[in-house]
């Protein structure tokens, strides 16, 4: 049985930034380094419609597993390719905590 997702929250704004970042970096660079799993790529493609202009209400329908996957994906792609954006950096730091809490609870 899978461990429940972490209790640490990612705000709707941070979730939207992480989705947008993951989509932009994936579109720009692909996954030439085989960093992402096939399920992460599937989540990027499925959440593509949430990039840029999604409202908090729309993001509220995302499952915790989707948020964990997109958080992990954004962190991994930013670590690999970098991106210079202070707001995004704050979102990525929140995602790092989210992912670390999940790993500690697993």
PDB file of N, CA and C in Angstrom:
ATOM      1  N   UNK A   1       0.841  -1.177   0.000  1.00  0.00           N
ATOM      2  CA  UNK A   1       0.000   0.000   0.000  1.00  0.00           C
ATOM      3  C   UNK A   1       0.892   1.248   0.000  1.00  0.00           C
ATOM      4  N   UNK A   2       0.530   2.237  -0.786  1.00  0.00           N
ATOM      5  CA  UNK A   2       1.323   3.464  -0.889  1.00  0.00           C
ATOM      6  C   UNK A   2       1.127   4.340   0.340  1.00  0.00           C
ATOM      7  N   UNK A   3       2.216   5.006   0.703  1.00  0.00           N
ATOM      8  CA  UNK A   3       2.164   5.967   1.800  1.00  0.00           C
ATOM      9  C   UNK A   3       1.341   7.164   1.357  1.00  0.00           C
ATOM     10  N   UNK A   4       0.511   7.728   2.236  1.00  0.00           N
ATOM     11  CA  UNK A   4      -0.243   8.915   1.841  1.00  0.00           C
ATOM     12  C   UNK A   4       0.704  10.063   1.506  1.00  0.00           C
ATOM     13  N   UNK A   5       0.263  10.981   0.671  1.00  0.00           N
ATOM     14  CA  UNK A   5       1.120  12.111   0.317  1.00  0.00           C
ATOM     15  C   UNK A   5       1.414  12.980   1.530  1.00  0.00           C
ATOM     16  N   UNK A   6       2.451  13.800   1.426  1.00  0.00           N
ATOM     17  CA  UNK A   6       2.846  14.610   2.581  1.00  0.00           C
ATOM     18  C   UNK A   6       1.776  15.604   2.982  1.00  0.00           C
ATOM     19  N   UNK A   7       1.814  15.968   4.259  1.00  0.00           N
ATOM     20  CA  UNK A   7       0.831  16.919   4.761  1.00  0.00           C
ATOM     21  C   UNK A   7       1.245  18.366   4.500  1.00  0.00           C
ATOM     22  N   UNK A   8       2.511  18.585   4.168  1.00  0.00           N
ATOM     23  CA  UNK A   8       2.973  19.927   3.837  1.00  0.00           C
ATOM     24  C   UNK A   8       2.176  20.429   2.642  1.00  0.00           C
ATOM     25  N   UNK A   9       1.765  21.677   2.701  1.00  0.00           N
ATOM     26  CA  UNK A   9       0.946  22.237   1.636  1.00  0.00           C
ATOM     27  C   UNK A   9       1.789  22.965   0.593  1.00  0.00           C
ATOM     28  N   UNK A  10       1.344  22.939  -0.630  1.00  0.00           N
ATOM     29  CA  UNK A  10       1.869  23.796  -1.691  1.00  0.00           C
ATOM     30  C   UNK A  10       0.715  24.718  -2.060  1.00  0.00           C
ATOM     31  N   UNK A  11       0.959  26.023  -2.018  1.00  0.00           N
ATOM     32  CA  UNK A  11      -0.109  26.975  -2.325  1.00  0.00           C
ATOM     33  C   UNK A  11      -0.518  26.844  -3.789  1.00  0.00           C
ATOM     34  N   UNK A  12      -1.709  27.335  -4.107  1.00  0.00           N
ATOM     35  CA  UNK A  12      -2.183  27.305  -5.495  1.00  0.00           C
ATOM     36  C   UNK A  12      -1.234  28.087  -6.404  1.00  0.00           C
ATOM     37  N   UNK A  13      -0.735  29.234  -5.927  1.00  0.00           N
ATOM     38  CA  UNK A  13       0.200  30.021  -6.733  1.00  0.00           C
ATOM     39  C   UNK A  13       1.472  29.244  -7.002  1.00  0.00           C
ATOM     40  N   UNK A  14       2.018  28.591  -5.963  1.00  0.00           N
ATOM     41  CA  UNK A  14       3.238  27.812  -6.152  1.00  0.00           C
ATOM     42  C   UNK A  14       2.986  26.618  -7.068  1.00  0.00           C
ATOM     43  N   UNK A  15       1.845  25.964  -6.894  1.00  0.00           N
ATOM     44  CA  UNK A  15       1.526  24.820  -7.755  1.00  0.00           C
ATOM     45  C   UNK A  15       1.448  25.260  -9.212  1.00  0.00           C
ATOM     46  N   UNK A  16       0.806  26.393  -9.457  1.00  0.00           N
ATOM     47  CA  UNK A  16       0.693  26.899 -10.824  1.00  0.00           C
ATOM     48  C   UNK A  16       2.075  27.220 -11.397  1.00  0.00           C
ATOM     49  N   UNK A  17       2.944  27.845 -10.590  1.00  0.00           N
ATOM     50  CA  UNK A  17       4.306  28.157 -11.043  1.00  0.00           C
ATOM     51  C   UNK A  17       5.087  26.884 -11.347  1.00  0.00           C
ATOM     52  N   UNK A  18       4.935  25.869 -10.494  1.00  0.00           N
ATOM     53  CA  UNK A  18       5.658  24.618 -10.704  1.00  0.00           C
ATOM     54  C   UNK A  18       5.184  23.908 -11.967  1.00  0.00           C
ATOM     55  N   UNK A  19       3.877  23.890 -12.187  1.00  0.00           N
ATOM     56  CA  UNK A  19       3.344  23.267 -13.403  1.00  0.00           C
ATOM     57  C   UNK A  19       3.857  24.001 -14.628  1.00  0.00           C
ATOM     58  N   UNK A  20       3.765  25.324 -14.615  1.00  0.00           N
ATOM     59  CA  UNK A  20       4.224  26.117 -15.752  1.00  0.00           C
ATOM     60  C   UNK A  20       5.710  25.886 -16.007  1.00  0.00           C
ATOM     61  N   UNK A  21       6.498  25.887 -14.950  1.00  0.00           N
ATOM     62  CA  UNK A  21       7.938  25.680 -15.088  1.00  0.00           C
ATOM     63  C   UNK A  21       8.250  24.308 -15.653  1.00  0.00           C
ATOM     64  N   UNK A  22       7.601  23.282 -15.114  1.00  0.00           N
ATOM     65  CA  UNK A  22       7.836  21.925 -15.605  1.00  0.00           C
ATOM     66  C   UNK A  22       7.488  21.818 -17.088  1.00  0.00           C
ATOM     67  N   UNK A  23       6.362  22.408 -17.480  1.00  0.00           N
ATOM     68  CA  UNK A  23       5.940  22.363 -18.882  1.00  0.00           C
ATOM     69  C   UNK A  23       6.933  23.118 -19.776  1.00  0.00           C
ATOM     70  N   UNK A  24       7.312  24.334 -19.356  1.00  0.00           N
ATOM     71  CA  UNK A  24       8.221  25.146 -20.164  1.00  0.00           C
ATOM     72  C   UNK A  24       9.582  24.464 -20.308  1.00  0.00           C
ATOM     73  N   UNK A  25      10.140  23.996 -19.189  1.00  0.00           N
ATOM     74  CA  UNK A  25      11.454  23.355 -19.260  1.00  0.00           C
ATOM     75  C   UNK A  25      11.391  22.036 -20.024  1.00  0.00           C
ATOM     76  N   UNK A  26      10.317  21.280 -19.848  1.00  0.00           N
ATOM     77  CA  UNK A  26      10.179  20.029 -20.599  1.00  0.00           C
ATOM     78  C   UNK A  26      10.066  20.326 -22.097  1.00  0.00           C
ATOM     79  N   UNK A  27       9.275  21.341 -22.455  1.00  0.00           N
ATOM     80  CA  UNK A  27       9.141  21.694 -23.870  1.00  0.00           C
ATOM     81  C   UNK A  27      10.453  22.202 -24.442  1.00  0.00           C
ATOM     82  N   UNK A  28      11.198  22.960 -23.659  1.00  0.00           N
ATOM     83  CA  UNK A  28      12.447  23.548 -24.131  1.00  0.00           C
ATOM     84  C   UNK A  28      13.563  22.511 -24.255  1.00  0.00           C
ATOM     85  N   UNK A  29      13.683  21.648 -23.238  1.00  0.00           N
ATOM     86  CA  UNK A  29      14.834  20.740 -23.186  1.00  0.00           C
ATOM     87  C   UNK A  29      14.484  19.270 -23.362  1.00  0.00           C
ATOM     88  N   UNK A  30      13.208  18.931 -23.239  1.00  0.00           N
ATOM     89  CA  UNK A  30      12.845  17.522 -23.273  1.00  0.00           C
ATOM     90  C   UNK A  30      13.425  16.811 -22.065  1.00  0.00           C
ATOM     91  N   UNK A  31      13.698  15.560 -22.219  1.00  0.00           N
ATOM     92  CA  UNK A  31      14.283  14.784 -21.131  1.00  0.00           C
ATOM     93  C   UNK A  31      15.471  14.002 -21.660  1.00  0.00           C
ATOM     94  N   UNK A  32      16.387  14.716 -22.297  1.00  0.00           N
ATOM     95  CA  UNK A  32      17.545  14.075 -22.896  1.00  0.00           C
ATOM     96  C   UNK A  32      18.462  13.392 -21.906  1.00  0.00           C
ATOM     97  N   UNK A  33      18.350  13.732 -20.634  1.00  0.00           N
ATOM     98  CA  UNK A  33      19.210  13.127 -19.616  1.00  0.00           C
ATOM     99  C   UNK A  33      18.502  11.982 -18.879  1.00  0.00           C
ATOM    100  N   UNK A  34      17.311  11.611 -19.341  1.00  0.00           N
ATOM    101  CA  UNK A  34      16.531  10.537 -18.706  1.00  0.00           C
ATOM    102  C   UNK A  34      16.350  10.760 -17.211  1.00  0.00           C
ATOM    103  N   UNK A  35      16.064  12.009 -16.857  1.00  0.00           N
ATOM    104  CA  UNK A  35      15.848  12.360 -15.452  1.00  0.00           C
ATOM    105  C   UNK A  35      14.440  11.973 -15.019  1.00  0.00           C
ATOM    106  N   UNK A  36      13.485  12.150 -15.918  1.00  0.00           N
ATOM    107  CA  UNK A  36      12.080  11.948 -15.570  1.00  0.00           C
ATOM    108  C   UNK A  36      11.630  10.516 -15.834  1.00  0.00           C
ATOM    109  N   UNK A  37      10.753  10.037 -14.972  1.00  0.00           N
ATOM    110  CA  UNK A  37      10.132   8.735 -15.209  1.00  0.00           C
ATOM    111  C   UNK A  37       9.008   8.905 -16.228  1.00  0.00           C
ATOM    112  N   UNK A  38       8.538   7.799 -16.764  1.00  0.00           N
ATOM    113  CA  UNK A  38       7.429   7.879 -17.722  1.00  0.00           C
ATOM    114  C   UNK A  38       6.179   8.442 -17.054  1.00  0.00           C
ATOM    115  N   UNK A  39       5.985   8.162 -15.764  1.00  0.00           N
ATOM    116  CA  UNK A  39       4.808   8.703 -15.084  1.00  0.00           C
ATOM    117  C   UNK A  39       4.936  10.216 -14.889  1.00  0.00           C
ATOM    118  N   UNK A  40       6.169  10.725 -14.678  1.00  0.00           N
ATOM    119  CA  UNK A  40       6.352  12.173 -14.570  1.00  0.00           C
ATOM    120  C   UNK A  40       6.039  12.855 -15.902  1.00  0.00           C
ATOM    121  N   UNK A  41       6.488  12.256 -16.996  1.00  0.00           N
ATOM    122  CA  UNK A  41       6.200  12.823 -18.316  1.00  0.00           C
ATOM    123  C   UNK A  41       4.692  12.824 -18.550  1.00  0.00           C
ATOM    124  N   UNK A  42       4.016  11.754 -18.157  1.00  0.00           N
ATOM    125  CA  UNK A  42       2.561  11.680 -18.312  1.00  0.00           C
ATOM    126  C   UNK A  42       1.880  12.788 -17.520  1.00  0.00           C
ATOM    127  N   UNK A  43       2.353  13.060 -16.307  1.00  0.00           N
ATOM    128  CA  UNK A  43       1.756  14.112 -15.485  1.00  0.00           C
ATOM    129  C   UNK A  43       1.992  15.483 -16.111  1.00  0.00           C
ATOM    130  N   UNK A  44       3.208  15.720 -16.627  1.00  0.00           N
ATOM    131  CA  UNK A  44       3.482  16.993 -17.312  1.00  0.00           C
ATOM    132  C   UNK A  44       2.498  17.188 -18.454  1.00  0.00           C
ATOM    133  N   UNK A  45       2.301  16.166 -19.268  1.00  0.00           N
ATOM    134  CA  UNK A  45       1.387  16.276 -20.411  1.00  0.00           C
ATOM    135  C   UNK A  45      -0.053  16.481 -19.940  1.00  0.00           C
ATOM    136  N   UNK A  46      -0.464  15.754 -18.899  1.00  0.00           N
ATOM    137  CA  UNK A  46      -1.841  15.850 -18.417  1.00  0.00           C
ATOM    138  C   UNK A  46      -2.126  17.196 -17.752  1.00  0.00           C
ATOM    139  N   UNK A  47      -1.120  17.760 -17.063  1.00  0.00           N
ATOM    140  CA  UNK A  47      -1.330  19.020 -16.350  1.00  0.00           C
ATOM    141  C   UNK A  47      -1.001  20.243 -17.198  1.00  0.00           C
ATOM    142  N   UNK A  48      -0.595  20.014 -18.436  1.00  0.00           N
ATOM    143  CA  UNK A  48      -0.228  21.114 -19.347  1.00  0.00           C
ATOM    144  C   UNK A  48      -1.302  22.200 -19.390  1.00  0.00           C
ATOM    145  N   UNK A  49      -2.566  21.808 -19.356  1.00  0.00           N
ATOM    146  CA  UNK A  49      -3.661  22.784 -19.447  1.00  0.00           C
ATOM    147  C   UNK A  49      -3.749  23.675 -18.210  1.00  0.00           C
ATOM    148  N   UNK A  50      -3.073  23.283 -17.116  1.00  0.00           N
ATOM    149  CA  UNK A  50      -3.093  24.084 -15.900  1.00  0.00           C
ATOM    150  C   UNK A  50      -1.971  25.128 -15.885  1.00  0.00           C
ATOM    151  N   UNK A  51      -1.085  25.088 -16.872  1.00  0.00           N
ATOM    152  CA  UNK A  51       0.042  26.025 -16.906  1.00  0.00           C
ATOM    153  C   UNK A  51      -0.464  27.438 -17.182  1.00  0.00           C
ATOM    154  N   UNK A  52       0.220  28.410 -16.633  1.00  0.00           N
ATOM    155  CA  UNK A  52       0.024  29.840 -16.853  1.00  0.00           C
ATOM    156  C   UNK A  52      -1.195  30.449 -16.172  1.00  0.00           C
ATOM    157  N   UNK A  53      -2.396  30.145 -16.607  1.00  0.00           N
ATOM    158  CA  UNK A  53      -3.549  30.944 -16.170  1.00  0.00           C
ATOM    159  C   UNK A  53      -4.582  30.187 -15.347  1.00  0.00           C
ATOM    160  N   UNK A  54      -4.188  29.136 -14.666  1.00  0.00           N
ATOM    161  CA  UNK A  54      -5.166  28.386 -13.883  1.00  0.00           C
ATOM    162  C   UNK A  54      -5.513  29.123 -12.598  1.00  0.00           C
ATOM    163  N   UNK A  55      -6.750  28.992 -12.188  1.00  0.00           N
ATOM    164  CA  UNK A  55      -7.175  29.603 -10.930  1.00  0.00           C
ATOM    165  C   UNK A  55      -6.951  28.618  -9.782  1.00  0.00           C
ATOM    166  N   UNK A  56      -6.986  29.142  -8.574  1.00  0.00           N
ATOM    167  CA  UNK A  56      -6.860  28.286  -7.398  1.00  0.00           C
ATOM    168  C   UNK A  56      -7.943  27.229  -7.339  1.00  0.00           C
ATOM    169  N   UNK A  57      -9.144  27.588  -7.794  1.00  0.00           N
ATOM    170  CA  UNK A  57     -10.246  26.619  -7.796  1.00  0.00           C
ATOM    171  C   UNK A  57      -9.951  25.453  -8.729  1.00  0.00           C
ATOM    172  N   UNK A  58      -9.387  25.760  -9.911  1.00  0.00           N
ATOM    173  CA  UNK A  58      -9.051  24.694 -10.850  1.00  0.00           C
ATOM    174  C   UNK A  58      -7.949  23.805 -10.280  1.00  0.00           C
ATOM    175  N   UNK A  59      -6.953  24.439  -9.658  1.00  0.00           N
ATOM    176  CA  UNK A  59      -5.838  23.674  -9.108  1.00  0.00           C
ATOM    177  C   UNK A  59      -6.265  22.820  -7.924  1.00  0.00           C
ATOM    178  N   UNK A  60      -7.338  23.210  -7.245  1.00  0.00           N
ATOM    179  CA  UNK A  60      -7.811  22.458  -6.082  1.00  0.00           C
ATOM    180  C   UNK A  60      -8.260  21.048  -6.460  1.00  0.00           C
ATOM    181  N   UNK A  61      -8.585  20.819  -7.728  1.00  0.00           N
ATOM    182  CA  UNK A  61      -9.036  19.490  -8.140  1.00  0.00           C
ATOM    183  C   UNK A  61      -7.876  18.528  -8.366  1.00  0.00           C
ATOM    184  N   UNK A  62      -6.649  19.033  -8.364  1.00  0.00           N
ATOM    185  CA  UNK A  62      -5.501  18.155  -8.568  1.00  0.00           C
ATOM    186  C   UNK A  62      -5.307  17.246  -7.363  1.00  0.00           C
ATOM    187  N   UNK A  63      -4.939  16.023  -7.625  1.00  0.00           N
ATOM    188  CA  UNK A  63      -4.707  15.101  -6.511  1.00  0.00           C
ATOM    189  C   UNK A  63      -3.368  15.411  -5.846  1.00  0.00           C
ATOM    190  N   UNK A  64      -3.214  15.030  -4.588  1.00  0.00           N
ATOM    191  CA  UNK A  64      -1.912  15.201  -3.935  1.00  0.00           C
ATOM    192  C   UNK A  64      -0.797  14.488  -4.678  1.00  0.00           C
ATOM    193  N   UNK A  65      -1.120  13.363  -5.320  1.00  0.00           N
ATOM    194  CA  UNK A  65      -0.090  12.634  -6.085  1.00  0.00           C
ATOM    195  C   UNK A  65       0.356  13.459  -7.294  1.00  0.00           C
ATOM    196  N   UNK A  66      -0.580  14.128  -7.953  1.00  0.00           N
ATOM    197  CA  UNK A  66      -0.211  14.999  -9.073  1.00  0.00           C
ATOM    198  C   UNK A  66       0.692  16.130  -8.597  1.00  0.00           C
ATOM    199  N   UNK A  67       0.343  16.732  -7.459  1.00  0.00           N
ATOM    200  CA  UNK A  67       1.161  17.818  -6.925  1.00  0.00           C
ATOM    201  C   UNK A  67       2.554  17.323  -6.560  1.00  0.00           C
ATOM    202  N   UNK A  68       2.634  16.138  -5.967  1.00  0.00           N
ATOM    203  CA  UNK A  68       3.942  15.589  -5.616  1.00  0.00           C
ATOM    204  C   UNK A  68       4.765  15.321  -6.873  1.00  0.00           C
ATOM    205  N   UNK A  69       4.124  14.757  -7.884  1.00  0.00           N
ATOM    206  CA  UNK A  69       4.839  14.469  -9.131  1.00  0.00           C
ATOM    207  C   UNK A  69       5.314  15.736  -9.818  1.00  0.00           C
ATOM    208  N   UNK A  70       4.454  16.757  -9.908  1.00  0.00           N
ATOM    209  CA  UNK A  70       4.846  17.985 -10.590  1.00  0.00           C
ATOM    210  C   UNK A  70       5.889  18.731  -9.775  1.00  0.00           C
ATOM    211  N   UNK A  71       5.804  18.661  -8.451  1.00  0.00           N
ATOM    212  CA  UNK A  71       6.821  19.290  -7.603  1.00  0.00           C
ATOM    213  C   UNK A  71       8.175  18.626  -7.824  1.00  0.00           C
ATOM    214  N   UNK A  72       8.188  17.299  -7.821  1.00  0.00           N
ATOM    215  CA  UNK A  72       9.431  16.559  -8.060  1.00  0.00           C
ATOM    216  C   UNK A  72       9.986  16.871  -9.446  1.00  0.00           C
ATOM    217  N   UNK A  73       9.111  16.889 -10.436  1.00  0.00           N
ATOM    218  CA  UNK A  73       9.524  17.148 -11.814  1.00  0.00           C
ATOM    219  C   UNK A  73      10.117  18.540 -11.958  1.00  0.00           C
ATOM    220  N   UNK A  74       9.448  19.542 -11.405  1.00  0.00           N
ATOM    221  CA  UNK A  74       9.948  20.915 -11.506  1.00  0.00           C
ATOM    222  C   UNK A  74      11.301  21.056 -10.819  1.00  0.00           C
ATOM    223  N   UNK A  75      11.440  20.475  -9.632  1.00  0.00           N
ATOM    224  CA  UNK A  75      12.717  20.547  -8.916  1.00  0.00           C
ATOM    225  C   UNK A  75      13.820  19.893  -9.739  1.00  0.00           C
ATOM    226  N   UNK A  76      13.554  18.711 -10.279  1.00  0.00           N
ATOM    227  CA  UNK A  76      14.581  18.003 -11.046  1.00  0.00           C
ATOM    228  C   UNK A  76      14.971  18.767 -12.303  1.00  0.00           C
ATOM    229  N   UNK A  77      13.993  19.335 -13.012  1.00  0.00           N
ATOM    230  CA  UNK A  77      14.299  20.076 -14.235  1.00  0.00           C
ATOM    231  C   UNK A  77      15.017  21.389 -13.940  1.00  0.00           C
ATOM    232  N   UNK A  78      14.626  22.077 -12.864  1.00  0.00           N
ATOM    233  CA  UNK A  78      15.317  23.312 -12.487  1.00  0.00           C
ATOM    234  C   UNK A  78      16.751  22.998 -12.064  1.00  0.00           C
ATOM    235  N   UNK A  79      16.941  21.915 -11.303  1.00  0.00           N
ATOM    236  CA  UNK A  79      18.294  21.522 -10.905  1.00  0.00           C
ATOM    237  C   UNK A  79      19.163  21.246 -12.131  1.00  0.00           C
ATOM    238  N   UNK A  80      18.577  20.635 -13.135  1.00  0.00           N
ATOM    239  CA  UNK A  80      19.330  20.259 -14.336  1.00  0.00           C
ATOM    240  C   UNK A  80      19.594  21.449 -15.250  1.00  0.00           C
ATOM    241  N   UNK A  81      18.578  22.291 -15.441  1.00  0.00           N
ATOM    242  CA  UNK A  81      18.680  23.344 -16.455  1.00  0.00           C
ATOM    243  C   UNK A  81      18.763  24.752 -15.887  1.00  0.00           C
ATOM    244  N   UNK A  82      18.341  24.929 -14.626  1.00  0.00           N
ATOM    245  CA  UNK A  82      18.360  26.253 -14.022  1.00  0.00           C
ATOM    246  C   UNK A  82      17.290  27.169 -14.601  1.00  0.00           C
ATOM    247  N   UNK A  83      16.901  28.142 -13.822  1.00  0.00           N
ATOM    248  CA  UNK A  83      15.959  29.168 -14.271  1.00  0.00           C
ATOM    249  C   UNK A  83      16.091  30.330 -13.290  1.00  0.00           C
ATOM    250  N   UNK A  84      16.152  31.536 -13.802  1.00  0.00           N
ATOM    251  CA  UNK A  84      16.401  32.701 -12.958  1.00  0.00           C
ATOM    252  C   UNK A  84      15.099  33.453 -12.724  1.00  0.00           C
ATOM    253  N   UNK A  85      14.442  33.156 -11.609  1.00  0.00           N
ATOM    254  CA  UNK A  85      13.160  33.754 -11.295  1.00  0.00           C
ATOM    255  C   UNK A  85      12.951  33.633  -9.797  1.00  0.00           C
ATOM    256  N   UNK A  86      12.895  34.770  -9.089  1.00  0.00           N
ATOM    257  CA  UNK A  86      12.790  34.730  -7.630  1.00  0.00           C
ATOM    258  C   UNK A  86      11.506  34.082  -7.144  1.00  0.00           C
ATOM    259  N   UNK A  87      10.381  34.392  -7.804  1.00  0.00           N
ATOM    260  CA  UNK A  87       9.110  33.777  -7.396  1.00  0.00           C
ATOM    261  C   UNK A  87       9.155  32.274  -7.606  1.00  0.00           C
ATOM    262  N   UNK A  88       9.731  31.871  -8.744  1.00  0.00           N
ATOM    263  CA  UNK A  88       9.848  30.445  -9.005  1.00  0.00           C
ATOM    264  C   UNK A  88      10.774  29.795  -7.984  1.00  0.00           C
ATOM    265  N   UNK A  89      11.856  30.475  -7.631  1.00  0.00           N
ATOM    266  CA  UNK A  89      12.778  29.913  -6.653  1.00  0.00           C
ATOM    267  C   UNK A  89      12.043  29.623  -5.339  1.00  0.00           C
ATOM    268  N   UNK A  90      11.173  30.534  -4.923  1.00  0.00           N
ATOM    269  CA  UNK A  90      10.390  30.308  -3.707  1.00  0.00           C
ATOM    270  C   UNK A  90       9.479  29.089  -3.871  1.00  0.00           C
ATOM    271  N   UNK A  91       8.879  28.942  -5.052  1.00  0.00           N
ATOM    272  CA  UNK A  91       8.009  27.794  -5.311  1.00  0.00           C
ATOM    273  C   UNK A  91       8.818  26.500  -5.307  1.00  0.00           C
ATOM    274  N   UNK A  92      10.007  26.546  -5.912  1.00  0.00           N
ATOM    275  CA  UNK A  92      10.855  25.353  -5.951  1.00  0.00           C
ATOM    276  C   UNK A  92      11.311  24.972  -4.547  1.00  0.00           C
ATOM    277  N   UNK A  93      11.621  25.964  -3.720  1.00  0.00           N
ATOM    278  CA  UNK A  93      12.020  25.661  -2.342  1.00  0.00           C
ATOM    279  C   UNK A  93      10.854  25.020  -1.585  1.00  0.00           C
ATOM    280  N   UNK A  94       9.640  25.516  -1.804  1.00  0.00           N
ATOM    281  CA  UNK A  94       8.457  24.894  -1.195  1.00  0.00           C
ATOM    282  C   UNK A  94       8.296  23.464  -1.697  1.00  0.00           C
ATOM    283  N   UNK A  95       8.551  23.254  -2.984  1.00  0.00           N
ATOM    284  CA  UNK A  95       8.447  21.910  -3.555  1.00  0.00           C
ATOM    285  C   UNK A  95       9.497  20.983  -2.961  1.00  0.00           C
ATOM    286  N   UNK A  96      10.712  21.500  -2.748  1.00  0.00           N
ATOM    287  CA  UNK A  96      11.764  20.676  -2.130  1.00  0.00           C
ATOM    288  C   UNK A  96      11.310  20.171  -0.754  1.00  0.00           C
ATOM    289  N   UNK A  97      10.714  21.068   0.036  1.00  0.00           N
ATOM    290  CA  UNK A  97      10.222  20.676   1.365  1.00  0.00           C
ATOM    291  C   UNK A  97       9.126  19.629   1.210  1.00  0.00           C
ATOM    292  N   UNK A  98       8.219  19.850   0.271  1.00  0.00           N
ATOM    293  CA  UNK A  98       7.109  18.937   0.018  1.00  0.00           C
ATOM    294  C   UNK A  98       7.631  17.545  -0.332  1.00  0.00           C
ATOM    295  N   UNK A  99       8.623  17.502  -1.237  1.00  0.00           N
ATOM    296  CA  UNK A  99       9.179  16.229  -1.679  1.00  0.00           C
ATOM    297  C   UNK A  99       9.966  15.570  -0.531  1.00  0.00           C
ATOM    298  N   UNK A 100      10.732  16.355   0.224  1.00  0.00           N
ATOM    299  CA  UNK A 100      11.509  15.804   1.335  1.00  0.00           C
ATOM    300  C   UNK A 100      10.601  15.233   2.408  1.00  0.00           C
ATOM    301  N   UNK A 101       9.477  15.887   2.684  1.00  0.00           N
ATOM    302  CA  UNK A 101       8.525  15.385   3.683  1.00  0.00           C
ATOM    303  C   UNK A 101       7.965  14.046   3.204  1.00  0.00           C
ATOM    304  N   UNK A 102       7.640  13.958   1.916  1.00  0.00           N
ATOM    305  CA  UNK A 102       7.118  12.708   1.383  1.00  0.00           C
ATOM    306  C   UNK A 102       8.165  11.594   1.495  1.00  0.00           C
ATOM    307  N   UNK A 103       9.404  11.909   1.156  1.00  0.00           N
ATOM    308  CA  UNK A 103      10.464  10.897   1.239  1.00  0.00           C
ATOM    309  C   UNK A 103      10.687  10.443   2.676  1.00  0.00           C
ATOM    310  N   UNK A 104      10.598  11.362   3.616  1.00  0.00           N
ATOM    311  CA  UNK A 104      10.791  11.013   5.021  1.00  0.00           C
ATOM    312  C   UNK A 104       9.651  10.152   5.543  1.00  0.00           C
ATOM    313  N   UNK A 105       8.437  10.355   5.014  1.00  0.00           N
ATOM    314  CA  UNK A 105       7.270   9.605   5.470  1.00  0.00           C
ATOM    315  C   UNK A 105       7.155   8.247   4.792  1.00  0.00           C
ATOM    316  N   UNK A 106       7.877   8.051   3.691  1.00  0.00           N
ATOM    317  CA  UNK A 106       7.783   6.778   2.934  1.00  0.00           C
ATOM    318  C   UNK A 106       8.473   5.651   3.664  1.00  0.00           C
TER     319      UNK A 106
END
